[in-house]
Each structure stands twice: as C-alpha cells, then as structure tokens.
Amino acid sequence: MRQKGLIYSFVAKGSVVLAEHTPYSGNFSTIAVQCLQKLPSNSSKYTYSCDGHTFNFLIDSGFVFLVVVDESVGRSVPFVFLERVKDAFKQRYGSSIGGDSTHPLADDDEDDDLFEDRFSIAYNLDREFGPTLKEHMDYCMNHPDEMSKLSKLKAQITEVKGIMMDNIEKVCVPLSYLKDLKA
C-alpha cells in the first residue's frame, strides 16, 4: 500500500456532494460532509483538522472543492490540488454553471423532473467527474516536487499581489481631495 497523502476528494454544490473519489476505505466522506455543513460563509478557503488529517475546502461560485490529506502533507499542496480541480471543473462545466442551463427538450411543465438541474442531485457527476478527481490526485501524489514548487510560487504571487495593492492604496489620491483642488 502506498503512502497516504491525498486521501479523499469531492466537489459539492452547496451541501450536495456531486462527485467524489478515494482509493482508501474509512469514514472520510462522513466527516467531510459534516464539516461541509459547518463551513463559515465568510471565507473561500478553510481547513479542519481531525485525527491526523486535514479537511481542506476551497469555495468558489457556490461550489465547494475538498481534499482530505494526511497532516504531514501540510497546507499548501492541498490548495494547489484544489485549484487544479476547480479549474478542471470550471473548464468542463463552465457553460452550465453560469446561467439558465435548461435542457433543449425540457418543457415548461413544472412537475417534469426528467431534466432537473444536474448540480442539485447528489453524486450526479460521480461517473463524469470522479475519474477527473482520481487523475488529479494521482498526478499530485506522483509529482510532489512540482506541487511543492507550485505552492511556493503561488505564495510568492500572493505576497507580491499584497505589496502591489498596498502600493496602489498609497499612490491613489482620495477623490474628495481632488474635488477640493478643483474648487
């Protein structure tokens, strides 16, 4: 059995899990869903720790991306993985995420559930997107050096972005000051 790193992953819409993958047995999915229901609404990234594992969440446009990892993996690699999964998900389902994605054969009859929103049925994307989760988990586990480099690069970009924002705030003149100069 290989070393445990990335253990379990899912994509959810709100609190409905749409697709998941794990090569291991355990109660990870149960704990992850419990954590999902308790996520704070004021953050796009969140991590819970439990029994030597971290449950890492990335929230974007109402979708929740999760990966459970062994604590020894740290916090940066899981979020690089989650960004990869989010990008793959948006690339695949982006046109359905945006607006009204009614099926062309659906009629206006409200009691017809045949073409119900694909993002509201639990595990509806398991067959379609589950293999993508597996693919990204395998890639990240088989390329730890690349994930570490990406993680460091992302941290540097975030730092530079913060510095740039601070500099912009220092350089920009408040509009009220400009109005006073014209008068």
C-alpha atoms as a PDB file:
ATOM      1  CA  MET A   1       0.000   0.000   0.000  1.00  0.00           C
ATOM      2  CA  ARG A   2       1.353   3.395  -0.962  1.00  0.00           C
ATOM      3  CA  GLN A   3       1.985   6.211   1.494  1.00  0.00           C
ATOM      4  CA  LYS A   4      -1.165   8.147   2.280  1.00  0.00           C
ATOM      5  CA  GLY A   5      -1.048  11.729   1.104  1.00  0.00           C
ATOM      6  CA  LEU A   6      -4.173  12.842  -0.708  1.00  0.00           C
ATOM      7  CA  ILE A   7      -6.867  10.571   0.682  1.00  0.00           C
ATOM      8  CA  TYR A   8     -10.330  11.721  -0.354  1.00  0.00           C
ATOM      9  CA  SER A   9     -11.739  14.424  -2.596  1.00  0.00           C
ATOM     10  CA  PHE A  10     -15.129  15.746  -3.614  1.00  0.00           C
ATOM     11  CA  VAL A  11     -16.926  18.520  -5.453  1.00  0.00           C
ATOM     12  CA  ALA A  12     -20.190  19.805  -3.988  1.00  0.00           C
ATOM     13  CA  LYS A  13     -22.780  22.436  -4.828  1.00  0.00           C
ATOM     14  CA  GLY A  14     -23.766  23.939  -1.516  1.00  0.00           C
ATOM     15  CA  SER A  15     -24.107  20.900   0.729  1.00  0.00           C
ATOM     16  CA  VAL A  16     -24.859  18.398  -2.078  1.00  0.00           C
ATOM     17  CA  VAL A  17     -21.856  16.228  -2.996  1.00  0.00           C
ATOM     18  CA  LEU A  18     -21.781  15.884  -6.787  1.00  0.00           C
ATOM     19  CA  ALA A  19     -18.690  13.702  -7.299  1.00  0.00           C
ATOM     20  CA  GLU A  20     -16.111  12.069  -5.062  1.00  0.00           C
ATOM     21  CA  HIS A  21     -13.048   9.843  -5.182  1.00  0.00           C
ATOM     22  CA  THR A  22     -10.920   7.922  -2.710  1.00  0.00           C
ATOM     23  CA  PRO A  23      -8.618   4.942  -3.101  1.00  0.00           C
ATOM     24  CA  TYR A  24      -8.936   4.190   0.634  1.00  0.00           C
ATOM     25  CA  SER A  25     -11.599   2.892   2.971  1.00  0.00           C
ATOM     26  CA  GLY A  26     -12.644   4.889   6.004  1.00  0.00           C
ATOM     27  CA  ASN A  27     -15.168   7.385   7.263  1.00  0.00           C
ATOM     28  CA  PHE A  28     -13.623  10.349   5.432  1.00  0.00           C
ATOM     29  CA  SER A  29     -16.765  11.056   3.432  1.00  0.00           C
ATOM     30  CA  THR A  30     -18.952  11.127   6.545  1.00  0.00           C
ATOM     31  CA  ILE A  31     -16.665  13.547   8.379  1.00  0.00           C
ATOM     32  CA  ALA A  32     -16.203  15.666   5.236  1.00  0.00           C
ATOM     33  CA  VAL A  33     -19.966  16.098   4.789  1.00  0.00           C
ATOM     34  CA  GLN A  34     -20.310  17.052   8.474  1.00  0.00           C
ATOM     35  CA  CYS A  35     -17.554  19.660   8.011  1.00  0.00           C
ATOM     36  CA  LEU A  36     -19.205  20.851   4.792  1.00  0.00           C
ATOM     37  CA  GLN A  37     -22.393  21.643   6.669  1.00  0.00           C
ATOM     38  CA  LYS A  38     -20.444  23.762   9.179  1.00  0.00           C
ATOM     39  CA  LEU A  39     -18.346  25.808   6.750  1.00  0.00           C
ATOM     40  CA  PRO A  40     -18.282  29.530   7.535  1.00  0.00           C
ATOM     41  CA  SER A  41     -19.759  31.720   4.811  1.00  0.00           C
ATOM     42  CA  ASN A  42     -17.134  34.446   5.140  1.00  0.00           C
ATOM     43  CA  SER A  43     -14.127  32.572   3.744  1.00  0.00           C
ATOM     44  CA  SER A  44     -13.192  30.986   0.423  1.00  0.00           C
ATOM     45  CA  LYS A  45     -10.605  28.667   1.995  1.00  0.00           C
ATOM     46  CA  TYR A  46     -10.982  26.664   5.143  1.00  0.00           C
ATOM     47  CA  THR A  47      -9.229  23.753   6.883  1.00  0.00           C
ATOM     48  CA  TYR A  48     -10.443  21.420   9.631  1.00  0.00           C
ATOM     49  CA  SER A  49      -8.067  19.052  11.452  1.00  0.00           C
ATOM     50  CA  CYS A  50      -9.178  15.656  12.723  1.00  0.00           C
ATOM     51  CA  ASP A  51      -7.240  12.531  13.791  1.00  0.00           C
ATOM     52  CA  GLY A  52      -4.029  13.335  11.929  1.00  0.00           C
ATOM     53  CA  HIS A  53      -5.827  14.517   8.777  1.00  0.00           C
ATOM     54  CA  THR A  54      -6.762  17.900   7.399  1.00  0.00           C
ATOM     55  CA  PHE A  55     -10.018  18.559   5.554  1.00  0.00           C
ATOM     56  CA  ASN A  56      -9.213  21.384   3.132  1.00  0.00           C
ATOM     57  CA  PHE A  57     -12.040  23.314   1.465  1.00  0.00           C
ATOM     58  CA  LEU A  58     -11.999  25.788  -1.417  1.00  0.00           C
ATOM     59  CA  ILE A  59     -15.263  27.603  -2.136  1.00  0.00           C
ATOM     60  CA  ASP A  60     -15.935  29.290  -5.473  1.00  0.00           C
ATOM     61  CA  SER A  61     -19.218  30.381  -7.128  1.00  0.00           C
ATOM     62  CA  GLY A  62     -21.327  28.238  -4.792  1.00  0.00           C
ATOM     63  CA  PHE A  63     -19.246  25.123  -5.441  1.00  0.00           C
ATOM     64  CA  VAL A  64     -17.134  23.506  -2.736  1.00  0.00           C
ATOM     65  CA  PHE A  65     -13.957  21.589  -3.536  1.00  0.00           C
ATOM     66  CA  LEU A  66     -12.499  19.367  -0.812  1.00  0.00           C
ATOM     67  CA  VAL A  67      -9.422  17.252  -0.325  1.00  0.00           C
ATOM     68  CA  VAL A  68      -8.583  15.243   2.783  1.00  0.00           C
ATOM     69  CA  VAL A  69      -4.868  14.775   3.338  1.00  0.00           C
ATOM     70  CA  ASP A  70      -2.520  13.325   5.899  1.00  0.00           C
ATOM     71  CA  GLU A  71      -1.349  16.185   8.176  1.00  0.00           C
ATOM     72  CA  SER A  72       2.257  15.542   7.115  1.00  0.00           C
ATOM     73  CA  VAL A  73       1.416  16.883   3.627  1.00  0.00           C
ATOM     74  CA  GLY A  74       0.975  20.404   5.039  1.00  0.00           C
ATOM     75  CA  ARG A  75      -1.488  23.071   3.928  1.00  0.00           C
ATOM     76  CA  SER A  76      -0.076  24.438   0.693  1.00  0.00           C
ATOM     77  CA  VAL A  77      -0.092  21.321  -1.525  1.00  0.00           C
ATOM     78  CA  PRO A  78      -3.787  20.579  -0.834  1.00  0.00           C
ATOM     79  CA  PHE A  79      -4.756  24.054  -2.031  1.00  0.00           C
ATOM     80  CA  VAL A  80      -2.667  23.674  -5.204  1.00  0.00           C
ATOM     81  CA  PHE A  81      -4.585  20.434  -5.805  1.00  0.00           C
ATOM     82  CA  LEU A  82      -7.920  22.162  -5.123  1.00  0.00           C
ATOM     83  CA  GLU A  83      -7.105  24.976  -7.564  1.00  0.00           C
ATOM     84  CA  ARG A  84      -6.316  22.366 -10.242  1.00  0.00           C
ATOM     85  CA  VAL A  85      -9.623  20.584  -9.592  1.00  0.00           C
ATOM     86  CA  LYS A  86     -11.570  23.869  -9.576  1.00  0.00           C
ATOM     87  CA  ASP A  87     -10.034  24.862 -12.907  1.00  0.00           C
ATOM     88  CA  ALA A  88     -10.825  21.449 -14.439  1.00  0.00           C
ATOM     89  CA  PHE A  89     -14.385  21.615 -13.125  1.00  0.00           C
ATOM     90  CA  LYS A  90     -14.955  25.125 -14.491  1.00  0.00           C
ATOM     91  CA  GLN A  91     -13.449  24.165 -17.827  1.00  0.00           C
ATOM     92  CA  ARG A  92     -15.755  21.161 -18.106  1.00  0.00           C
ATOM     93  CA  TYR A  93     -18.977  22.625 -16.681  1.00  0.00           C
ATOM     94  CA  GLY A  94     -18.465  26.376 -17.049  1.00  0.00           C
ATOM     95  CA  SER A  95     -21.255  26.859 -19.547  1.00  0.00           C
ATOM     96  CA  SER A  96     -23.726  25.088 -17.232  1.00  0.00           C
ATOM     97  CA  ILE A  97     -22.614  26.976 -14.127  1.00  0.00           C
ATOM     98  CA  GLY A  98     -23.288  30.490 -15.368  1.00  0.00           C
ATOM     99  CA  GLY A  99     -26.912  30.945 -16.126  1.00  0.00           C
ATOM    100  CA  ASP A 100     -30.078  29.182 -17.046  1.00  0.00           C
ATOM    101  CA  SER A 101     -28.983  25.757 -18.242  1.00  0.00           C
ATOM    102  CA  THR A 102     -32.279  24.268 -19.250  1.00  0.00           C
ATOM    103  CA  HIS A 103     -32.228  21.240 -21.470  1.00  0.00           C
ATOM    104  CA  PRO A 104     -33.449  21.942 -25.021  1.00  0.00           C
ATOM    105  CA  LEU A 105     -36.048  19.155 -24.779  1.00  0.00           C
ATOM    106  CA  ALA A 106     -37.442  20.310 -21.441  1.00  0.00           C
ATOM    107  CA  ASP A 107     -40.890  21.860 -21.484  1.00  0.00           C
ATOM    108  CA  ASP A 108     -42.430  24.383 -19.111  1.00  0.00           C
ATOM    109  CA  ASP A 109     -44.232  21.695 -17.098  1.00  0.00           C
ATOM    110  CA  GLU A 110     -43.044  22.199 -13.504  1.00  0.00           C
ATOM    111  CA  ASP A 111     -43.729  18.631 -12.383  1.00  0.00           C
ATOM    112  CA  ASP A 112     -41.390  17.129 -15.003  1.00  0.00           C
ATOM    113  CA  ASP A 113     -38.203  16.102 -13.133  1.00  0.00           C
ATOM    114  CA  LEU A 114     -36.513  14.453 -16.134  1.00  0.00           C
ATOM    115  CA  PHE A 115     -34.265  17.450 -16.821  1.00  0.00           C
ATOM    116  CA  GLU A 116     -33.650  18.592 -13.240  1.00  0.00           C
ATOM    117  CA  ASP A 117     -30.566  20.728 -12.592  1.00  0.00           C
ATOM    118  CA  ARG A 118     -27.508  18.462 -12.745  1.00  0.00           C
ATOM    119  CA  PHE A 119     -25.957  20.338  -9.816  1.00  0.00           C
ATOM    120  CA  SER A 120     -28.766  19.585  -7.363  1.00  0.00           C
ATOM    121  CA  ILE A 121     -28.732  15.766  -7.384  1.00  0.00           C
ATOM    122  CA  ALA A 122     -26.302  14.040  -5.019  1.00  0.00           C
ATOM    123  CA  TYR A 123     -23.499  12.118  -6.775  1.00  0.00           C
ATOM    124  CA  ASN A 124     -24.943  13.046 -10.186  1.00  0.00           C
ATOM    125  CA  LEU A 125     -21.460  13.798 -11.583  1.00  0.00           C
ATOM    126  CA  ASP A 126     -19.694  10.833  -9.970  1.00  0.00           C
ATOM    127  CA  ARG A 127     -19.253   8.919 -13.231  1.00  0.00           C
ATOM    128  CA  GLU A 128     -18.325  12.038 -15.209  1.00  0.00           C
ATOM    129  CA  PHE A 129     -16.059  13.897 -12.789  1.00  0.00           C
ATOM    130  CA  GLY A 130     -14.976  11.205 -10.299  1.00  0.00           C
ATOM    131  CA  PRO A 131     -12.267   9.965 -12.705  1.00  0.00           C
ATOM    132  CA  THR A 132     -11.006  13.552 -13.043  1.00  0.00           C
ATOM    133  CA  LEU A 133     -10.635  13.773  -9.250  1.00  0.00           C
ATOM    134  CA  LYS A 134      -8.692  10.482  -9.327  1.00  0.00           C
ATOM    135  CA  GLU A 135      -6.494  11.746 -12.164  1.00  0.00           C
ATOM    136  CA  HIS A 136      -5.583  14.949 -10.283  1.00  0.00           C
ATOM    137  CA  MET A 137      -4.992  13.068  -7.015  1.00  0.00           C
ATOM    138  CA  ASP A 138      -2.668  10.612  -8.764  1.00  0.00           C
ATOM    139  CA  TYR A 139      -0.825  13.405 -10.558  1.00  0.00           C
ATOM    140  CA  CYS A 140      -0.267  15.371  -7.367  1.00  0.00           C
ATOM    141  CA  MET A 141       0.906  12.277  -5.480  1.00  0.00           C
ATOM    142  CA  ASN A 142       3.292  11.266  -8.297  1.00  0.00           C
ATOM    143  CA  HIS A 143       4.766  14.762  -8.742  1.00  0.00           C
ATOM    144  CA  PRO A 144       5.385  16.068  -5.200  1.00  0.00           C
ATOM    145  CA  ASP A 145       8.318  18.278  -6.240  1.00  0.00           C
ATOM    146  CA  GLU A 146       6.221  20.058  -8.852  1.00  0.00           C
ATOM    147  CA  MET A 147       3.373  20.560  -6.354  1.00  0.00           C
ATOM    148  CA  SER A 148       5.804  21.992  -3.823  1.00  0.00           C
ATOM    149  CA  LYS A 149       7.255  24.386  -6.414  1.00  0.00           C
ATOM    150  CA  LEU A 150       3.757  25.475  -7.486  1.00  0.00           C
ATOM    151  CA  SER A 151       2.815  26.013  -3.869  1.00  0.00           C
ATOM    152  CA  LYS A 152       5.867  28.224  -3.258  1.00  0.00           C
ATOM    153  CA  LEU A 153       5.241  30.152  -6.465  1.00  0.00           C
ATOM    154  CA  LYS A 154       1.614  30.738  -5.506  1.00  0.00           C
ATOM    155  CA  ALA A 155       2.708  32.046  -2.083  1.00  0.00           C
ATOM    156  CA  GLN A 156       5.166  34.427  -3.754  1.00  0.00           C
ATOM    157  CA  ILE A 157       2.482  35.680  -6.149  1.00  0.00           C
ATOM    158  CA  THR A 158       0.116  36.283  -3.246  1.00  0.00           C
ATOM    159  CA  GLU A 159       2.831  38.209  -1.411  1.00  0.00           C
ATOM    160  CA  VAL A 160       3.629  40.359  -4.464  1.00  0.00           C
ATOM    161  CA  LYS A 161      -0.085  40.986  -5.051  1.00  0.00           C
ATOM    162  CA  GLY A 162      -0.422  42.203  -1.461  1.00  0.00           C
ATOM    163  CA  ILE A 163       2.537  44.533  -1.843  1.00  0.00           C
ATOM    164  CA  MET A 164       1.130  45.894  -5.111  1.00  0.00           C
ATOM    165  CA  MET A 165      -2.273  46.527  -3.535  1.00  0.00           C
ATOM    166  CA  ASP A 166      -0.621  48.355  -0.630  1.00  0.00           C
ATOM    167  CA  ASN A 167       1.376  50.492  -3.072  1.00  0.00           C
ATOM    168  CA  ILE A 168      -1.713  51.302  -5.125  1.00  0.00           C
ATOM    169  CA  GLU A 169      -3.543  52.413  -1.994  1.00  0.00           C
ATOM    170  CA  LYS A 170      -0.610  54.658  -1.042  1.00  0.00           C
ATOM    171  CA  VAL A 171      -0.362  56.247  -4.513  1.00  0.00           C
ATOM    172  CA  CYS A 172      -4.061  56.777  -5.207  1.00  0.00           C
ATOM    173  CA  VAL A 173      -5.325  60.145  -4.094  1.00  0.00           C
ATOM    174  CA  PRO A 174      -8.734  60.157  -2.418  1.00  0.00           C
ATOM    175  CA  LEU A 175     -11.436  61.587  -4.690  1.00  0.00           C
ATOM    176  CA  SER A 176     -12.552  64.049  -2.031  1.00  0.00           C
ATOM    177  CA  TYR A 177      -9.070  65.600  -2.094  1.00  0.00           C
ATOM    178  CA  LEU A 178      -9.277  66.038  -5.888  1.00  0.00           C
ATOM    179  CA  LYS A 179     -12.674  67.755  -5.603  1.00  0.00           C
ATOM    180  CA  ASP A 180     -11.209  70.215  -3.115  1.00  0.00           C
ATOM    181  CA  LEU A 181      -8.403  71.092  -5.546  1.00  0.00           C
ATOM    182  CA  LYS A 182     -10.850  71.969  -8.361  1.00  0.00           C
ATOM    183  CA  ALA A 183     -12.884  74.361  -6.236  1.00  0.00           C
END
